[in-house]
All heavy atoms as atom14 arrays in JSON, in Angstrom:
{
  "sequence": "LVVPGLSVPEETPKEKFERVDANEDDEINFDE",
  "atom14_mask": [
    [1, 1, 1, 1, 1, 1, 1, 1, 0, 0, 0, 0, 0, 0],
    [1, 1, 1, 1, 1, 1, 1, 0, 0, 0, 0, 0, 0, 0],
    [1, 1, 1, 1, 1, 1, 1, 0, 0, 0, 0, 0, 0, 0],
    [1, 1, 1, 1, 1, 1, 1, 0, 0, 0, 0, 0, 0, 0],
    [1, 1, 1, 1, 0, 0, 0, 0, 0, 0, 0, 0, 0, 0],
    [1, 1, 1, 1, 1, 1, 1, 1, 0, 0, 0, 0, 0, 0],
    [1, 1, 1, 1, 1, 1, 0, 0, 0, 0, 0, 0, 0, 0],
    [1, 1, 1, 1, 1, 1, 1, 0, 0, 0, 0, 0, 0, 0],
    [1, 1, 1, 1, 1, 1, 1, 0, 0, 0, 0, 0, 0, 0],
    [1, 1, 1, 1, 1, 1, 1, 1, 1, 0, 0, 0, 0, 0],
    [1, 1, 1, 1, 1, 1, 1, 1, 1, 0, 0, 0, 0, 0],
    [1, 1, 1, 1, 1, 1, 1, 0, 0, 0, 0, 0, 0, 0],
    [1, 1, 1, 1, 1, 1, 1, 0, 0, 0, 0, 0, 0, 0],
    [1, 1, 1, 1, 1, 1, 1, 1, 1, 0, 0, 0, 0, 0],
    [1, 1, 1, 1, 1, 1, 1, 1, 1, 0, 0, 0, 0, 0],
    [1, 1, 1, 1, 1, 1, 1, 1, 1, 0, 0, 0, 0, 0],
    [1, 1, 1, 1, 1, 1, 1, 1, 1, 1, 1, 0, 0, 0],
    [1, 1, 1, 1, 1, 1, 1, 1, 1, 0, 0, 0, 0, 0],
    [1, 1, 1, 1, 1, 1, 1, 1, 1, 1, 1, 0, 0, 0],
    [1, 1, 1, 1, 1, 1, 1, 0, 0, 0, 0, 0, 0, 0],
    [1, 1, 1, 1, 1, 1, 1, 1, 0, 0, 0, 0, 0, 0],
    [1, 1, 1, 1, 1, 0, 0, 0, 0, 0, 0, 0, 0, 0],
    [1, 1, 1, 1, 1, 1, 1, 1, 0, 0, 0, 0, 0, 0],
    [1, 1, 1, 1, 1, 1, 1, 1, 1, 0, 0, 0, 0, 0],
    [1, 1, 1, 1, 1, 1, 1, 1, 0, 0, 0, 0, 0, 0],
    [1, 1, 1, 1, 1, 1, 1, 1, 0, 0, 0, 0, 0, 0],
    [1, 1, 1, 1, 1, 1, 1, 1, 1, 0, 0, 0, 0, 0],
    [1, 1, 1, 1, 1, 1, 1, 1, 0, 0, 0, 0, 0, 0],
    [1, 1, 1, 1, 1, 1, 1, 1, 0, 0, 0, 0, 0, 0],
    [1, 1, 1, 1, 1, 1, 1, 1, 1, 1, 1, 0, 0, 0],
    [1, 1, 1, 1, 1, 1, 1, 1, 0, 0, 0, 0, 0, 0],
    [1, 1, 1, 1, 1, 1, 1, 1, 1, 0, 0, 0, 0, 0]
  ],
  "atom14_positions": [
    [[0.83, -1.2, 0.0], [0.0, 0.0, 0.0], [0.86, 1.25, 0.0], [1.8, 1.37, 0.78], [-0.9, 0.02, 1.23], [-1.92, -1.11, 1.33], [-2.65, -1.03, 2.65], [-2.9, -1.09, 0.19], [0.0, 0.0, 0.0], [0.0, 0.0, 0.0], [0.0, 0.0, 0.0], [0.0, 0.0, 0.0], [0.0, 0.0, 0.0], [0.0, 0.0, 0.0]],
    [[0.51, 2.16, -0.87], [1.15, 3.48, -0.86], [0.02, 4.47, -0.62], [-0.84, 4.66, -1.48], [1.85, 3.77, -2.21], [2.43, 5.17, -2.2], [2.91, 2.72, -2.49], [0.0, 0.0, 0.0], [0.0, 0.0, 0.0], [0.0, 0.0, 0.0], [0.0, 0.0, 0.0], [0.0, 0.0, 0.0], [0.0, 0.0, 0.0], [0.0, 0.0, 0.0]],
    [[0.03, 5.06, 0.55], [-1.03, 6.0, 0.93], [-0.39, 7.36, 1.13], [0.5, 7.5, 1.97], [-1.75, 5.53, 2.21], [-2.83, 6.51, 2.61], [-2.32, 4.14, 2.03], [0.0, 0.0, 0.0], [0.0, 0.0, 0.0], [0.0, 0.0, 0.0], [0.0, 0.0, 0.0], [0.0, 0.0, 0.0], [0.0, 0.0, 0.0], [0.0, 0.0, 0.0]],
    [[-0.85, 8.36, 0.35], [-0.27, 9.7, 0.52], [-0.41, 10.18, 1.96], [-1.45, 10.03, 2.57], [-1.1, 10.57, -0.42], [-1.76, 9.63, -1.35], [-1.9, 8.33, -0.63], [0.0, 0.0, 0.0], [0.0, 0.0, 0.0], [0.0, 0.0, 0.0], [0.0, 0.0, 0.0], [0.0, 0.0, 0.0], [0.0, 0.0, 0.0], [0.0, 0.0, 0.0]],
    [[0.67, 10.74, 2.48], [0.64, 11.31, 3.82], [0.83, 10.3, 4.93], [0.88, 10.66, 6.1], [0.0, 0.0, 0.0], [0.0, 0.0, 0.0], [0.0, 0.0, 0.0], [0.0, 0.0, 0.0], [0.0, 0.0, 0.0], [0.0, 0.0, 0.0], [0.0, 0.0, 0.0], [0.0, 0.0, 0.0], [0.0, 0.0, 0.0], [0.0, 0.0, 0.0]],
    [[0.95, 9.01, 4.62], [1.14, 8.0, 5.65], [2.49, 7.36, 5.46], [2.78, 6.79, 4.41], [0.05, 6.93, 5.6], [0.18, 5.8, 6.62], [0.04, 6.35, 8.04], [-0.86, 4.73, 6.38], [0.0, 0.0, 0.0], [0.0, 0.0, 0.0], [0.0, 0.0, 0.0], [0.0, 0.0, 0.0], [0.0, 0.0, 0.0], [0.0, 0.0, 0.0]],
    [[3.31, 7.49, 6.46], [4.62, 6.88, 6.39], [4.59, 5.62, 7.23], [4.31, 5.66, 8.43], [5.65, 7.9, 6.86], [6.56, 7.38, 7.73], [0.0, 0.0, 0.0], [0.0, 0.0, 0.0], [0.0, 0.0, 0.0], [0.0, 0.0, 0.0], [0.0, 0.0, 0.0], [0.0, 0.0, 0.0], [0.0, 0.0, 0.0], [0.0, 0.0, 0.0]],
    [[4.84, 4.49, 6.61], [4.83, 3.21, 7.28], [6.27, 2.87, 7.64], [7.13, 2.84, 6.76], [4.21, 2.1, 6.39], [4.26, 0.76, 7.08], [2.8, 2.46, 6.0], [0.0, 0.0, 0.0], [0.0, 0.0, 0.0], [0.0, 0.0, 0.0], [0.0, 0.0, 0.0], [0.0, 0.0, 0.0], [0.0, 0.0, 0.0], [0.0, 0.0, 0.0]],
    [[6.54, 2.65, 8.93], [7.91, 2.37, 9.31], [8.4, 1.05, 8.73], [7.64, 0.1, 8.61], [7.85, 2.3, 10.84], [6.44, 1.98, 11.17], [5.61, 2.56, 10.05], [0.0, 0.0, 0.0], [0.0, 0.0, 0.0], [0.0, 0.0, 0.0], [0.0, 0.0, 0.0], [0.0, 0.0, 0.0], [0.0, 0.0, 0.0], [0.0, 0.0, 0.0]],
    [[9.65, 1.04, 8.34], [10.28, -0.2, 7.89], [10.52, -1.04, 9.13], [11.19, -0.59, 10.07], [11.6, 0.11, 7.19], [11.45, 0.93, 5.94], [11.32, 0.08, 4.7], [11.72, -1.1, 4.73], [10.8, 0.6, 3.71], [0.0, 0.0, 0.0], [0.0, 0.0, 0.0], [0.0, 0.0, 0.0], [0.0, 0.0, 0.0], [0.0, 0.0, 0.0]],
    [[9.96, -2.24, 9.18], [10.13, -3.09, 10.35], [10.5, -4.5, 9.9], [9.93, -5.02, 8.94], [8.83, -3.2, 11.16], [8.35, -1.95, 11.8], [7.05, -2.18, 12.58], [6.09, -2.72, 12.0], [7.01, -1.82, 13.76], [0.0, 0.0, 0.0], [0.0, 0.0, 0.0], [0.0, 0.0, 0.0], [0.0, 0.0, 0.0], [0.0, 0.0, 0.0]],
    [[11.4, -5.1, 10.63], [11.65, -6.52, 10.44], [10.53, -7.25, 11.17], [9.85, -6.65, 12.03], [13.02, -6.92, 11.03], [12.96, -6.74, 12.45], [14.15, -6.11, 10.43], [0.0, 0.0, 0.0], [0.0, 0.0, 0.0], [0.0, 0.0, 0.0], [0.0, 0.0, 0.0], [0.0, 0.0, 0.0], [0.0, 0.0, 0.0], [0.0, 0.0, 0.0]],
    [[10.34, -8.53, 10.9], [9.32, -9.27, 11.67], [9.57, -9.21, 13.18], [8.64, -9.1, 13.97], [9.46, -10.7, 11.13], [9.96, -10.51, 9.73], [10.88, -9.33, 9.8], [0.0, 0.0, 0.0], [0.0, 0.0, 0.0], [0.0, 0.0, 0.0], [0.0, 0.0, 0.0], [0.0, 0.0, 0.0], [0.0, 0.0, 0.0], [0.0, 0.0, 0.0]],
    [[10.85, -9.24, 13.58], [11.19, -9.16, 15.0], [10.77, -7.8, 15.57], [10.17, -7.73, 16.66], [12.69, -9.37, 15.19], [13.13, -9.34, 16.64], [14.63, -9.56, 16.77], [14.96, -9.66, 18.23], [15.96, -8.84, 18.73], [0.0, 0.0, 0.0], [0.0, 0.0, 0.0], [0.0, 0.0, 0.0], [0.0, 0.0, 0.0], [0.0, 0.0, 0.0]],
    [[11.06, -6.71, 14.84], [10.68, -5.37, 15.31], [9.16, -5.23, 15.39], [8.63, -4.61, 16.31], [11.25, -4.3, 14.37], [12.75, -4.17, 14.47], [13.35, -3.3, 13.37], [12.76, -3.22, 12.26], [14.42, -2.71, 13.61], [0.0, 0.0, 0.0], [0.0, 0.0, 0.0], [0.0, 0.0, 0.0], [0.0, 0.0, 0.0], [0.0, 0.0, 0.0]],
    [[8.46, -5.82, 14.43], [6.98, -5.76, 14.45], [6.46, -6.47, 15.69], [5.58, -5.97, 16.38], [6.41, -6.39, 13.18], [4.9, -6.31, 13.1], [4.35, -6.97, 11.87], [4.37, -5.99, 10.74], [3.56, -6.42, 9.59], [0.0, 0.0, 0.0], [0.0, 0.0, 0.0], [0.0, 0.0, 0.0], [0.0, 0.0, 0.0], [0.0, 0.0, 0.0]],
    [[7.01, -7.66, 15.96], [6.58, -8.41, 17.14], [6.82, -7.58, 18.39], [5.94, -7.47, 19.26], [7.34, -9.74, 17.23], [6.83, -10.66, 18.3], [5.9, -11.65, 18.01], [7.26, -10.54, 19.62], [5.42, -12.49, 18.99], [6.78, -11.37, 20.62], [5.86, -12.35, 20.3], [0.0, 0.0, 0.0], [0.0, 0.0, 0.0], [0.0, 0.0, 0.0]],
    [[7.99, -6.97, 18.5], [8.31, -6.18, 19.69], [7.4, -4.95, 19.81], [7.01, -4.58, 20.92], [9.79, -5.74, 19.64], [10.74, -6.91, 19.88], [12.21, -6.56, 19.62], [12.5, -5.44, 19.17], [13.05, -7.45, 19.85], [0.0, 0.0, 0.0], [0.0, 0.0, 0.0], [0.0, 0.0, 0.0], [0.0, 0.0, 0.0], [0.0, 0.0, 0.0]],
    [[7.05, -4.32, 18.68], [6.14, -3.17, 18.72], [4.76, -3.58, 19.23], [4.14, -2.88, 20.03], [6.01, -2.54, 17.33], [4.98, -1.4, 17.26], [4.89, -0.76, 15.9], [4.6, -1.66, 14.81], [3.37, -2.09, 14.47], [2.32, -1.7, 15.16], [3.2, -2.89, 13.44], [0.0, 0.0, 0.0], [0.0, 0.0, 0.0], [0.0, 0.0, 0.0]],
    [[4.31, -4.74, 18.79], [2.97, -5.19, 19.13], [2.9, -5.76, 20.55], [1.9, -5.64, 21.23], [2.49, -6.23, 18.08], [1.2, -6.87, 18.49], [2.36, -5.56, 16.73], [0.0, 0.0, 0.0], [0.0, 0.0, 0.0], [0.0, 0.0, 0.0], [0.0, 0.0, 0.0], [0.0, 0.0, 0.0], [0.0, 0.0, 0.0], [0.0, 0.0, 0.0]],
    [[3.97, -6.38, 21.0], [4.01, -6.98, 22.33], [4.17, -5.88, 23.38], [5.24, -5.68, 23.96], [5.17, -7.99, 22.4], [5.25, -8.71, 23.73], [4.23, -8.74, 24.47], [6.33, -9.24, 24.05], [0.0, 0.0, 0.0], [0.0, 0.0, 0.0], [0.0, 0.0, 0.0], [0.0, 0.0, 0.0], [0.0, 0.0, 0.0], [0.0, 0.0, 0.0]],
    [[3.09, -5.17, 23.64], [3.12, -3.97, 24.49], [3.6, -4.27, 25.91], [4.31, -3.48, 26.51], [1.74, -3.32, 24.53], [0.0, 0.0, 0.0], [0.0, 0.0, 0.0], [0.0, 0.0, 0.0], [0.0, 0.0, 0.0], [0.0, 0.0, 0.0], [0.0, 0.0, 0.0], [0.0, 0.0, 0.0], [0.0, 0.0, 0.0], [0.0, 0.0, 0.0]],
    [[3.22, -5.41, 26.47], [3.61, -5.72, 27.85], [4.95, -6.46, 27.93], [5.37, -6.88, 29.01], [2.51, -6.49, 28.59], [2.22, -7.84, 27.95], [2.9, -8.28, 27.01], [1.19, -8.5, 28.45], [0.0, 0.0, 0.0], [0.0, 0.0, 0.0], [0.0, 0.0, 0.0], [0.0, 0.0, 0.0], [0.0, 0.0, 0.0], [0.0, 0.0, 0.0]],
    [[5.59, -6.65, 26.78], [6.93, -7.24, 26.68], [7.05, -8.59, 27.38], [8.06, -8.9, 28.02], [7.98, -6.26, 27.22], [8.01, -4.96, 26.46], [8.99, -3.94, 27.01], [9.67, -4.23, 28.02], [9.1, -2.86, 26.41], [0.0, 0.0, 0.0], [0.0, 0.0, 0.0], [0.0, 0.0, 0.0], [0.0, 0.0, 0.0], [0.0, 0.0, 0.0]],
    [[6.0, -9.44, 27.23], [6.06, -10.77, 27.83], [6.41, -11.85, 26.82], [6.29, -13.03, 27.09], [4.73, -11.1, 28.53], [3.56, -11.18, 27.57], [3.73, -10.9, 26.36], [2.44, -11.52, 28.03], [0.0, 0.0, 0.0], [0.0, 0.0, 0.0], [0.0, 0.0, 0.0], [0.0, 0.0, 0.0], [0.0, 0.0, 0.0], [0.0, 0.0, 0.0]],
    [[6.85, -11.44, 25.63], [7.22, -12.35, 24.53], [6.05, -13.21, 24.07], [6.25, -14.32, 23.56], [8.42, -13.23, 24.92], [9.71, -12.43, 25.0], [9.83, -11.43, 24.24], [10.59, -12.78, 25.81], [0.0, 0.0, 0.0], [0.0, 0.0, 0.0], [0.0, 0.0, 0.0], [0.0, 0.0, 0.0], [0.0, 0.0, 0.0], [0.0, 0.0, 0.0]],
    [[4.85, -12.71, 24.26], [3.63, -13.34, 23.75], [2.72, -12.24, 23.24], [2.71, -11.13, 23.79], [2.91, -14.13, 24.84], [3.68, -15.31, 25.38], [2.91, -16.03, 26.5], [2.03, -15.41, 27.13], [3.22, -17.19, 26.7], [0.0, 0.0, 0.0], [0.0, 0.0, 0.0], [0.0, 0.0, 0.0], [0.0, 0.0, 0.0], [0.0, 0.0, 0.0]],
    [[1.97, -12.56, 22.22], [1.02, -11.58, 21.69], [-0.39, -12.09, 21.98], [-0.78, -13.15, 21.48], [1.2, -11.37, 20.17], [2.58, -10.78, 19.88], [0.11, -10.49, 19.61], [2.89, -10.62, 18.41], [0.0, 0.0, 0.0], [0.0, 0.0, 0.0], [0.0, 0.0, 0.0], [0.0, 0.0, 0.0], [0.0, 0.0, 0.0], [0.0, 0.0, 0.0]],
    [[-1.13, -11.35, 22.8], [-2.52, -11.72, 23.04], [-3.37, -11.08, 21.93], [-2.87, -10.33, 21.08], [-2.99, -11.31, 24.44], [-2.94, -9.81, 24.66], [-3.18, -9.01, 23.74], [-2.62, -9.4, 25.88], [0.0, 0.0, 0.0], [0.0, 0.0, 0.0], [0.0, 0.0, 0.0], [0.0, 0.0, 0.0], [0.0, 0.0, 0.0], [0.0, 0.0, 0.0]],
    [[-4.66, -11.33, 21.94], [-5.52, -10.85, 20.86], [-5.54, -9.33, 20.79], [-5.48, -8.75, 19.7], [-6.94, -11.4, 21.01], [-7.84, -10.99, 19.88], [-7.66, -11.49, 18.6], [-8.86, -10.06, 20.08], [-8.47, -11.1, 17.54], [-9.67, -9.66, 19.03], [-9.48, -10.19, 17.76], [0.0, 0.0, 0.0], [0.0, 0.0, 0.0], [0.0, 0.0, 0.0]],
    [[-5.65, -8.67, 21.93], [-5.67, -7.2, 21.92], [-4.4, -6.64, 21.3], [-4.43, -5.66, 20.56], [-5.85, -6.65, 23.35], [-7.25, -6.9, 23.88], [-8.18, -7.01, 23.06], [-7.4, -6.97, 25.11], [0.0, 0.0, 0.0], [0.0, 0.0, 0.0], [0.0, 0.0, 0.0], [0.0, 0.0, 0.0], [0.0, 0.0, 0.0], [0.0, 0.0, 0.0]],
    [[-3.26, -7.26, 21.6], [-2.0, -6.82, 21.0], [-1.98, -7.15, 19.51], [-1.51, -6.36, 18.69], [-0.82, -7.48, 21.7], [-0.62, -7.0, 23.13], [0.38, -7.83, 23.9], [0.49, -9.05, 23.66], [1.08, -7.25, 24.77], [0.0, 0.0, 0.0], [0.0, 0.0, 0.0], [0.0, 0.0, 0.0], [0.0, 0.0, 0.0], [0.0, 0.0, 0.0]]
  ]
}
């Protein structure tokens, strides 16, 4: 997707997991 005005950060899968894992428990629950 290329959306004007939206910059999507370049993330590796590991970085994406870490961004989503808000409580940093190395697990992603549904809300995360």
